[in-house]
Full PDB file with SEQRES, HELIX, SHEET, SSBOND, CRYST1, ORIGX, SCALE, CONECT and MASTER records, all heavy atoms in Angstrom:
SEQRES   1 A   36  LYS THR VAL ALA PHE GLU GLY ARG ILE VAL VAL VAL GLY          
SEQRES   2 A   36  PHE ALA SER GLY THR ILE PRO SER PRO ALA LEU ASN HIS          
SEQRES   3 A   36  ALA LEU VAL LYS ASN TYR SER ILE LEU GLY                      
HELIX    1 AA1 LEU A   24  LYS A   30  1                                   7    
SHEET    1 AA1 2 ARG A   8  VAL A  10  0                                        
SHEET    2 AA1 2 SER A  33  LEU A  35  1                                        
CRYST1    1.000    1.000    1.000  90.00  90.00  90.00 P 1           1          
ORIGX1      1.000000  0.000000  0.000000        0.00000                         
ORIGX2      0.000000  1.000000  0.000000        0.00000                         
ORIGX3      0.000000  0.000000  1.000000        0.00000                         
SCALE1      1.000000  0.000000  0.000000        0.00000                         
SCALE2      0.000000  1.000000  0.000000        0.00000                         
SCALE3      0.000000  0.000000  1.000000        0.00000                         
ATOM      1  N   LYS A   1     -12.432 -20.363  82.355  1.00  0.00           N  
ATOM      2  CA  LYS A   1     -11.794 -21.203  83.366  1.00  0.00           C  
ATOM      3  C   LYS A   1     -12.715 -22.296  83.900  1.00  0.00           C  
ATOM      4  O   LYS A   1     -12.259 -23.190  84.617  1.00  0.00           O  
ATOM      5  CB  LYS A   1     -11.300 -20.331  84.524  1.00  0.00           C  
ATOM      6  CG  LYS A   1     -10.152 -19.405  84.115  1.00  0.00           C  
ATOM      7  CD  LYS A   1      -9.672 -18.562  85.278  1.00  0.00           C  
ATOM      8  CE  LYS A   1      -8.521 -17.654  84.842  1.00  0.00           C  
ATOM      9  NZ  LYS A   1      -8.034 -16.800  85.954  1.00  0.00           N  
ATOM     10  N   THR A   2     -14.000 -22.234  83.538  1.00  0.00           N  
ATOM     11  CA  THR A   2     -14.945 -23.226  84.059  1.00  0.00           C  
ATOM     12  C   THR A   2     -15.605 -24.053  82.964  1.00  0.00           C  
ATOM     13  O   THR A   2     -16.427 -24.915  83.256  1.00  0.00           O  
ATOM     14  CB  THR A   2     -16.051 -22.546  84.889  1.00  0.00           C  
ATOM     15  OG1 THR A   2     -16.699 -21.545  84.096  1.00  0.00           O  
ATOM     16  CG2 THR A   2     -15.479 -21.908  86.146  1.00  0.00           C  
ATOM     17  N   VAL A   3     -15.250 -23.820  81.703  1.00  0.00           N  
ATOM     18  CA  VAL A   3     -15.846 -24.593  80.615  1.00  0.00           C  
ATOM     19  C   VAL A   3     -15.173 -25.964  80.546  1.00  0.00           C  
ATOM     20  O   VAL A   3     -13.965 -26.099  80.761  1.00  0.00           O  
ATOM     21  CB  VAL A   3     -15.732 -23.849  79.266  1.00  0.00           C  
ATOM     22  CG1 VAL A   3     -14.288 -23.697  78.812  1.00  0.00           C  
ATOM     23  CG2 VAL A   3     -16.593 -24.513  78.202  1.00  0.00           C  
ATOM     24  N   ALA A   4     -15.967 -26.984  80.245  1.00  0.00           N  
ATOM     25  CA  ALA A   4     -15.471 -28.360  80.213  1.00  0.00           C  
ATOM     26  C   ALA A   4     -14.718 -28.659  78.920  1.00  0.00           C  
ATOM     27  O   ALA A   4     -14.765 -27.887  77.951  1.00  0.00           O  
ATOM     28  CB  ALA A   4     -16.646 -29.329  80.353  1.00  0.00           C  
ATOM     29  N   PHE A   5     -14.041 -29.792  78.916  1.00  0.00           N  
ATOM     30  CA  PHE A   5     -13.421 -30.309  77.686  1.00  0.00           C  
ATOM     31  C   PHE A   5     -14.507 -30.438  76.609  1.00  0.00           C  
ATOM     32  O   PHE A   5     -15.578 -30.983  76.844  1.00  0.00           O  
ATOM     33  CB  PHE A   5     -12.800 -31.678  77.975  1.00  0.00           C  
ATOM     34  CG  PHE A   5     -12.357 -32.423  76.741  1.00  0.00           C  
ATOM     35  CD1 PHE A   5     -11.219 -32.037  76.048  1.00  0.00           C  
ATOM     36  CD2 PHE A   5     -13.085 -33.516  76.265  1.00  0.00           C  
ATOM     37  CE1 PHE A   5     -10.808 -32.721  74.918  1.00  0.00           C  
ATOM     38  CE2 PHE A   5     -12.683 -34.213  75.149  1.00  0.00           C  
ATOM     39  CZ  PHE A   5     -11.543 -33.822  74.457  1.00  0.00           C  
ATOM     40  N   GLU A   6     -14.231 -29.892  75.437  1.00  0.00           N  
ATOM     41  CA  GLU A   6     -15.179 -29.844  74.318  1.00  0.00           C  
ATOM     42  C   GLU A   6     -16.454 -29.081  74.669  1.00  0.00           C  
ATOM     43  O   GLU A   6     -17.513 -29.305  74.098  1.00  0.00           O  
ATOM     44  CB  GLU A   6     -15.519 -31.247  73.801  1.00  0.00           C  
ATOM     45  CG  GLU A   6     -14.348 -31.928  73.112  1.00  0.00           C  
ATOM     46  CD  GLU A   6     -14.734 -33.143  72.298  1.00  0.00           C  
ATOM     47  OE1 GLU A   6     -15.718 -33.819  72.657  1.00  0.00           O  
ATOM     48  OE2 GLU A   6     -14.045 -33.406  71.288  1.00  0.00           O  
ATOM     49  N   GLY A   7     -16.320 -28.142  75.624  1.00  0.00           N  
ATOM     50  CA  GLY A   7     -17.449 -27.297  75.984  1.00  0.00           C  
ATOM     51  C   GLY A   7     -17.635 -26.161  74.997  1.00  0.00           C  
ATOM     52  O   GLY A   7     -16.820 -25.945  74.093  1.00  0.00           O  
ATOM     53  N   ARG A   8     -18.735 -25.436  75.188  1.00  0.00           N  
ATOM     54  CA  ARG A   8     -19.077 -24.342  74.274  1.00  0.00           C  
ATOM     55  C   ARG A   8     -19.443 -23.101  75.088  1.00  0.00           C  
ATOM     56  O   ARG A   8     -20.324 -23.175  75.952  1.00  0.00           O  
ATOM     57  CB  ARG A   8     -20.268 -24.730  73.386  1.00  0.00           C  
ATOM     58  CG  ARG A   8     -19.962 -25.825  72.385  1.00  0.00           C  
ATOM     59  CD  ARG A   8     -20.127 -27.230  72.971  1.00  0.00           C  
ATOM     60  NE  ARG A   8     -21.521 -27.636  73.115  1.00  0.00           N  
ATOM     61  CZ  ARG A   8     -21.907 -28.650  73.889  1.00  0.00           C  
ATOM     62  NH1 ARG A   8     -21.023 -29.328  74.632  1.00  0.00           N  
ATOM     63  NH2 ARG A   8     -23.191 -28.979  73.953  1.00  0.00           N  
ATOM     64  N   ILE A   9     -18.771 -21.994  74.806  1.00  0.00           N  
ATOM     65  CA  ILE A   9     -19.117 -20.711  75.428  1.00  0.00           C  
ATOM     66  C   ILE A   9     -19.920 -19.908  74.408  1.00  0.00           C  
ATOM     67  O   ILE A   9     -19.435 -19.625  73.311  1.00  0.00           O  
ATOM     68  CB  ILE A   9     -17.859 -19.925  75.835  1.00  0.00           C  
ATOM     69  CG1 ILE A   9     -17.030 -20.716  76.852  1.00  0.00           C  
ATOM     70  CG2 ILE A   9     -18.250 -18.565  76.415  1.00  0.00           C  
ATOM     71  CD1 ILE A   9     -15.698 -20.054  77.194  1.00  0.00           C  
ATOM     72  N   VAL A  10     -21.148 -19.548  74.773  1.00  0.00           N  
ATOM     73  CA  VAL A  10     -22.002 -18.764  73.886  1.00  0.00           C  
ATOM     74  C   VAL A  10     -21.938 -17.302  74.322  1.00  0.00           C  
ATOM     75  O   VAL A  10     -22.378 -16.948  75.420  1.00  0.00           O  
ATOM     76  CB  VAL A  10     -23.462 -19.254  73.911  1.00  0.00           C  
ATOM     77  CG1 VAL A  10     -24.296 -18.499  72.878  1.00  0.00           C  
ATOM     78  CG2 VAL A  10     -23.534 -20.758  73.648  1.00  0.00           C  
ATOM     79  N   VAL A  11     -21.387 -16.457  73.481  1.00  0.00           N  
ATOM     80  CA  VAL A  11     -21.260 -15.028  73.759  1.00  0.00           C  
ATOM     81  C   VAL A  11     -22.524 -14.327  73.265  1.00  0.00           C  
ATOM     82  O   VAL A  11     -22.796 -14.273  72.065  1.00  0.00           O  
ATOM     83  CB  VAL A  11     -20.010 -14.445  73.068  1.00  0.00           C  
ATOM     84  CG1 VAL A  11     -19.909 -12.948  73.327  1.00  0.00           C  
ATOM     85  CG2 VAL A  11     -18.752 -15.164  73.547  1.00  0.00           C  
ATOM     86  N   VAL A  12     -23.301 -13.797  74.215  1.00  0.00           N  
ATOM     87  CA  VAL A  12     -24.612 -13.214  73.893  1.00  0.00           C  
ATOM     88  C   VAL A  12     -24.591 -11.694  73.960  1.00  0.00           C  
ATOM     89  O   VAL A  12     -25.341 -11.017  73.256  1.00  0.00           O  
ATOM     90  CB  VAL A  12     -25.686 -13.778  74.846  1.00  0.00           C  
ATOM     91  CG1 VAL A  12     -27.067 -13.266  74.482  1.00  0.00           C  
ATOM     92  CG2 VAL A  12     -25.676 -15.301  74.819  1.00  0.00           C  
ATOM     93  N   GLY A  13     -23.772 -11.140  74.830  1.00  0.00           N  
ATOM     94  CA  GLY A  13     -23.742  -9.686  74.970  1.00  0.00           C  
ATOM     95  C   GLY A  13     -22.708  -9.270  75.994  1.00  0.00           C  
ATOM     96  O   GLY A  13     -21.969 -10.096  76.542  1.00  0.00           O  
ATOM     97  N   PHE A  14     -22.685  -7.963  76.276  1.00  0.00           N  
ATOM     98  CA  PHE A  14     -21.652  -7.401  77.151  1.00  0.00           C  
ATOM     99  C   PHE A  14     -22.285  -6.407  78.129  1.00  0.00           C  
ATOM    100  O   PHE A  14     -21.959  -5.233  78.139  1.00  0.00           O  
ATOM    101  CB  PHE A  14     -20.573  -6.717  76.312  1.00  0.00           C  
ATOM    102  CG  PHE A  14     -20.085  -7.577  75.172  1.00  0.00           C  
ATOM    103  CD1 PHE A  14     -20.464  -7.311  73.869  1.00  0.00           C  
ATOM    104  CD2 PHE A  14     -19.275  -8.685  75.417  1.00  0.00           C  
ATOM    105  CE1 PHE A  14     -20.034  -8.110  72.824  1.00  0.00           C  
ATOM    106  CE2 PHE A  14     -18.841  -9.492  74.382  1.00  0.00           C  
ATOM    107  CZ  PHE A  14     -19.221  -9.210  73.082  1.00  0.00           C  
ATOM    108  N   ALA A  15     -23.204  -6.928  78.950  1.00  0.00           N  
ATOM    109  CA  ALA A  15     -23.914  -6.065  79.895  1.00  0.00           C  
ATOM    110  C   ALA A  15     -22.972  -5.403  80.886  1.00  0.00           C  
ATOM    111  O   ALA A  15     -23.298  -4.360  81.456  1.00  0.00           O  
ATOM    112  CB  ALA A  15     -24.980  -6.865  80.634  1.00  0.00           C  
ATOM    113  N   SER A  16     -21.804  -6.000  81.107  1.00  0.00           N  
ATOM    114  CA  SER A  16     -20.827  -5.399  82.016  1.00  0.00           C  
ATOM    115  C   SER A  16     -20.221  -4.125  81.446  1.00  0.00           C  
ATOM    116  O   SER A  16     -19.624  -3.333  82.175  1.00  0.00           O  
ATOM    117  CB  SER A  16     -19.702  -6.393  82.303  1.00  0.00           C  
ATOM    118  OG  SER A  16     -18.934  -6.636  81.131  1.00  0.00           O  
ATOM    119  N   GLY A  17     -20.357  -3.943  80.138  1.00  0.00           N  
ATOM    120  CA  GLY A  17     -19.744  -2.798  79.484  1.00  0.00           C  
ATOM    121  C   GLY A  17     -18.327  -3.052  79.011  1.00  0.00           C  
ATOM    122  O   GLY A  17     -17.721  -2.188  78.376  1.00  0.00           O  
ATOM    123  N   THR A  18     -17.797  -4.241  79.304  1.00  0.00           N  
ATOM    124  CA  THR A  18     -16.433  -4.589  78.912  1.00  0.00           C  
ATOM    125  C   THR A  18     -16.451  -5.741  77.923  1.00  0.00           C  
ATOM    126  O   THR A  18     -16.997  -6.808  78.216  1.00  0.00           O  
ATOM    127  CB  THR A  18     -15.582  -4.988  80.134  1.00  0.00           C  
ATOM    128  OG1 THR A  18     -15.567  -3.896  81.061  1.00  0.00           O  
ATOM    129  CG2 THR A  18     -14.164  -5.326  79.719  1.00  0.00           C  
ATOM    130  N   ILE A  19     -15.868  -5.529  76.751  1.00  0.00           N  
ATOM    131  CA  ILE A  19     -15.780  -6.579  75.740  1.00  0.00           C  
ATOM    132  C   ILE A  19     -14.453  -7.304  75.925  1.00  0.00           C  
ATOM    133  O   ILE A  19     -13.385  -6.702  75.781  1.00  0.00           O  
ATOM    134  CB  ILE A  19     -15.877  -5.985  74.322  1.00  0.00           C  
ATOM    135  CG1 ILE A  19     -17.219  -5.268  74.141  1.00  0.00           C  
ATOM    136  CG2 ILE A  19     -15.710  -7.080  73.277  1.00  0.00           C  
ATOM    137  CD1 ILE A  19     -17.360  -4.548  72.803  1.00  0.00           C  
ATOM    138  N   PRO A  20     -14.497  -8.595  76.264  1.00  0.00           N  
ATOM    139  CA  PRO A  20     -13.245  -9.315  76.531  1.00  0.00           C  
ATOM    140  C   PRO A  20     -12.478  -9.634  75.251  1.00  0.00           C  
ATOM    141  O   PRO A  20     -13.039  -9.655  74.151  1.00  0.00           O  
ATOM    142  CB  PRO A  20     -13.722 -10.600  77.204  1.00  0.00           C  
ATOM    143  CG  PRO A  20     -15.098 -10.813  76.688  1.00  0.00           C  
ATOM    144  CD  PRO A  20     -15.683  -9.444  76.464  1.00  0.00           C  
ATOM    145  N   SER A  21     -11.203  -9.892  75.414  1.00  0.00           N  
ATOM    146  CA  SER A  21     -10.350 -10.339  74.312  1.00  0.00           C  
ATOM    147  C   SER A  21      -9.915 -11.766  74.607  1.00  0.00           C  
ATOM    148  O   SER A  21      -8.976 -11.987  75.381  1.00  0.00           O  
ATOM    149  CB  SER A  21      -9.119  -9.428  74.171  1.00  0.00           C  
ATOM    150  OG  SER A  21      -9.500  -8.105  73.890  1.00  0.00           O  
ATOM    151  N   PRO A  22     -10.584 -12.764  74.024  1.00  0.00           N  
ATOM    152  CA  PRO A  22     -10.291 -14.156  74.367  1.00  0.00           C  
ATOM    153  C   PRO A  22      -8.867 -14.548  74.013  1.00  0.00           C  
ATOM    154  O   PRO A  22      -8.323 -14.138  72.982  1.00  0.00           O  
ATOM    155  CB  PRO A  22     -11.298 -14.951  73.511  1.00  0.00           C  
ATOM    156  CG  PRO A  22     -12.358 -13.971  73.137  1.00  0.00           C  
ATOM    157  CD  PRO A  22     -11.681 -12.641  73.050  1.00  0.00           C  
ATOM    158  N   ALA A  23      -8.266 -15.363  74.876  1.00  0.00           N  
ATOM    159  CA  ALA A  23      -6.953 -15.940  74.599  1.00  0.00           C  
ATOM    160  C   ALA A  23      -7.172 -17.202  73.773  1.00  0.00           C  
ATOM    161  O   ALA A  23      -7.566 -18.242  74.300  1.00  0.00           O  
ATOM    162  CB  ALA A  23      -6.234 -16.265  75.903  1.00  0.00           C  
ATOM    163  N   LEU A  24      -6.950 -17.113  72.478  1.00  0.00           N  
ATOM    164  CA  LEU A  24      -7.264 -18.241  71.604  1.00  0.00           C  
ATOM    165  C   LEU A  24      -6.357 -19.440  71.859  1.00  0.00           C  
ATOM    166  O   LEU A  24      -6.742 -20.577  71.592  1.00  0.00           O  
ATOM    167  CB  LEU A  24      -7.189 -17.803  70.141  1.00  0.00           C  
ATOM    168  CG  LEU A  24      -8.209 -16.734  69.727  1.00  0.00           C  
ATOM    169  CD1 LEU A  24      -8.119 -16.467  68.233  1.00  0.00           C  
ATOM    170  CD2 LEU A  24      -9.623 -17.147  70.102  1.00  0.00           C  
ATOM    171  N   ASN A  25      -5.159 -19.187  72.380  1.00  0.00           N  
ATOM    172  CA  ASN A  25      -4.303 -20.323  72.735  1.00  0.00           C  
ATOM    173  C   ASN A  25      -4.933 -21.141  73.862  1.00  0.00           C  
ATOM    174  O   ASN A  25      -4.773 -22.354  73.933  1.00  0.00           O  
ATOM    175  CB  ASN A  25      -2.907 -19.838  73.137  1.00  0.00           C  
ATOM    176  CG  ASN A  25      -2.940 -18.934  74.351  1.00  0.00           C  
ATOM    177  OD1 ASN A  25      -3.820 -18.080  74.475  1.00  0.00           O  
ATOM    178  ND2 ASN A  25      -1.986 -19.094  75.257  1.00  0.00           N  
ATOM    179  N   HIS A  26      -5.677 -20.475  74.728  1.00  0.00           N  
ATOM    180  CA  HIS A  26      -6.361 -21.181  75.821  1.00  0.00           C  
ATOM    181  C   HIS A  26      -7.472 -22.059  75.270  1.00  0.00           C  
ATOM    182  O   HIS A  26      -7.646 -23.204  75.705  1.00  0.00           O  
ATOM    183  CB  HIS A  26      -6.915 -20.164  76.820  1.00  0.00           C  
ATOM    184  CG  HIS A  26      -7.437 -20.777  78.089  1.00  0.00           C  
ATOM    185  ND1 HIS A  26      -8.777 -20.982  78.315  1.00  0.00           N  
ATOM    186  CD2 HIS A  26      -6.790 -21.234  79.188  1.00  0.00           C  
ATOM    187  CE1 HIS A  26      -8.941 -21.534  79.511  1.00  0.00           C  
ATOM    188  NE2 HIS A  26      -7.744 -21.697  80.063  1.00  0.00           N  
ATOM    189  N   ALA A  27      -8.229 -21.534  74.294  1.00  0.00           N  
ATOM    190  CA  ALA A  27      -9.280 -22.335  73.655  1.00  0.00           C  
ATOM    191  C   ALA A  27      -8.673 -23.545  72.956  1.00  0.00           C  
ATOM    192  O   ALA A  27      -9.260 -24.631  72.927  1.00  0.00           O  
ATOM    193  CB  ALA A  27     -10.059 -21.486  72.655  1.00  0.00           C  
ATOM    194  N   LEU A  28      -7.489 -23.353  72.385  1.00  0.00           N  
ATOM    195  CA  LEU A  28      -6.815 -24.450  71.678  1.00  0.00           C  
ATOM    196  C   LEU A  28      -6.378 -25.549  72.646  1.00  0.00           C  
ATOM    197  O   LEU A  28      -6.694 -26.726  72.440  1.00  0.00           O  
ATOM    198  CB  LEU A  28      -5.612 -23.880  70.923  1.00  0.00           C  
ATOM    199  CG  LEU A  28      -4.806 -24.837  70.032  1.00  0.00           C  
ATOM    200  CD1 LEU A  28      -4.157 -24.054  68.900  1.00  0.00           C  
ATOM    201  CD2 LEU A  28      -3.713 -25.558  70.829  1.00  0.00           C  
ATOM    202  N   VAL A  29      -5.674 -25.180  73.705  1.00  0.00           N  
ATOM    203  CA  VAL A  29      -5.118 -26.211  74.584  1.00  0.00           C  
ATOM    204  C   VAL A  29      -6.187 -26.876  75.435  1.00  0.00           C  
ATOM    205  O   VAL A  29      -6.003 -28.002  75.908  1.00  0.00           O  
ATOM    206  CB  VAL A  29      -4.005 -25.634  75.492  1.00  0.00           C  
ATOM    207  CG1 VAL A  29      -2.872 -25.095  74.651  1.00  0.00           C  
ATOM    208  CG2 VAL A  29      -4.547 -24.574  76.439  1.00  0.00           C  
ATOM    209  N   LYS A  30      -7.340 -26.210  75.617  1.00  0.00           N  
ATOM    210  CA  LYS A  30      -8.394 -26.771  76.459  1.00  0.00           C  
ATOM    211  C   LYS A  30      -9.519 -27.405  75.635  1.00  0.00           C  
ATOM    212  O   LYS A  30     -10.428 -28.007  76.197  1.00  0.00           O  
ATOM    213  CB  LYS A  30      -8.956 -25.679  77.389  1.00  0.00           C  
ATOM    214  CG  LYS A  30      -9.699 -26.223  78.598  1.00  0.00           C  
ATOM    215  CD  LYS A  30     -10.080 -25.096  79.549  1.00  0.00           C  
ATOM    216  CE  LYS A  30     -10.932 -25.618  80.693  1.00  0.00           C  
ATOM    217  NZ  LYS A  30     -11.348 -24.559  81.614  1.00  0.00           N  
ATOM    218  N   ASN A  31      -9.458 -27.240  74.315  1.00  0.00           N  
ATOM    219  CA  ASN A  31     -10.456 -27.857  73.425  1.00  0.00           C  
ATOM    220  C   ASN A  31     -11.877 -27.391  73.724  1.00  0.00           C  
ATOM    221  O   ASN A  31     -12.763 -28.188  74.019  1.00  0.00           O  
ATOM    222  CB  ASN A  31     -10.397 -29.391  73.518  1.00  0.00           C  
ATOM    223  CG  ASN A  31      -9.558 -30.002  72.417  1.00  0.00           C  
ATOM    224  OD1 ASN A  31      -8.515 -29.463  72.069  1.00  0.00           O  
ATOM    225  ND2 ASN A  31     -10.009 -31.119  71.875  1.00  0.00           N  
ATOM    226  N   TYR A  32     -12.114 -26.086  73.646  1.00  0.00           N  
ATOM    227  CA  TYR A  32     -13.485 -25.594  73.765  1.00  0.00           C  
ATOM    228  C   TYR A  32     -13.775 -24.614  72.634  1.00  0.00           C  
ATOM    229  O   TYR A  32     -12.865 -24.109  71.970  1.00  0.00           O  
ATOM    230  CB  TYR A  32     -13.753 -24.954  75.136  1.00  0.00           C  
ATOM    231  CG  TYR A  32     -12.940 -23.713  75.461  1.00  0.00           C  
ATOM    232  CD1 TYR A  32     -13.338 -22.448  75.038  1.00  0.00           C  
ATOM    233  CD2 TYR A  32     -11.798 -23.800  76.252  1.00  0.00           C  
ATOM    234  CE1 TYR A  32     -12.614 -21.315  75.368  1.00  0.00           C  
ATOM    235  CE2 TYR A  32     -11.073 -22.672  76.593  1.00  0.00           C  
ATOM    236  CZ  TYR A  32     -11.492 -21.429  76.142  1.00  0.00           C  
ATOM    237  OH  TYR A  32     -10.776 -20.300  76.476  1.00  0.00           O  
ATOM    238  N   SER A  33     -15.054 -24.362  72.416  1.00  0.00           N  
ATOM    239  CA  SER A  33     -15.492 -23.490  71.329  1.00  0.00           C  
ATOM    240  C   SER A  33     -16.038 -22.185  71.882  1.00  0.00           C  
ATOM    241  O   SER A  33     -16.685 -22.166  72.935  1.00  0.00           O  
ATOM    242  CB  SER A  33     -16.594 -24.174  70.506  1.00  0.00           C  
ATOM    243  OG  SER A  33     -16.146 -25.402  69.981  1.00  0.00           O  
ATOM    244  N   ILE A  34     -15.784 -21.106  71.152  1.00  0.00           N  
ATOM    245  CA  ILE A  34     -16.352 -19.792  71.478  1.00  0.00           C  
ATOM    246  C   ILE A  34     -17.345 -19.462  70.365  1.00  0.00           C  
ATOM    247  O   ILE A  34     -16.969 -19.344  69.198  1.00  0.00           O  
ATOM    248  CB  ILE A  34     -15.266 -18.710  71.554  1.00  0.00           C  
ATOM    249  CG1 ILE A  34     -14.194 -19.109  72.570  1.00  0.00           C  
ATOM    250  CG2 ILE A  34     -15.878 -17.363  71.919  1.00  0.00           C  
ATOM    251  CD1 ILE A  34     -12.938 -18.253  72.505  1.00  0.00           C  
ATOM    252  N   LEU A  35     -18.615 -19.356  70.731  1.00  0.00           N  
ATOM    253  CA  LEU A  35     -19.673 -19.178  69.739  1.00  0.00           C  
ATOM    254  C   LEU A  35     -20.344 -17.816  69.915  1.00  0.00           C  
ATOM    255  O   LEU A  35     -20.774 -17.460  71.016  1.00  0.00           O  
ATOM    256  CB  LEU A  35     -20.733 -20.277  69.892  1.00  0.00           C  
ATOM    257  CG  LEU A  35     -20.227 -21.724  69.842  1.00  0.00           C  
ATOM    258  CD1 LEU A  35     -21.337 -22.673  70.247  1.00  0.00           C  
ATOM    259  CD2 LEU A  35     -19.716 -22.050  68.457  1.00  0.00           C  
ATOM    260  N   GLY A  36     -20.445 -17.050  68.855  1.00  0.00           N  
ATOM    261  CA  GLY A  36     -21.172 -15.794  68.896  1.00  0.00           C  
ATOM    262  C   GLY A  36     -22.641 -16.016  68.578  1.00  0.00           C  
ATOM    263  O   GLY A  36     -22.999 -16.912  67.810  1.00  0.00           O  
TER     264      GLY A  36                                                      
MASTER        0    0    0    1    2    0    0    6  263    1    0    3          
END                                                                             
């Protein structure tokens, strides 16, 4: 919800213990990348 247009989210780990399930339609309509 805070990544910019053409922004990049770098997924490094899951210290919270919860692995999220990204909504890929959200990445599509907002034009951002999810990088492992």
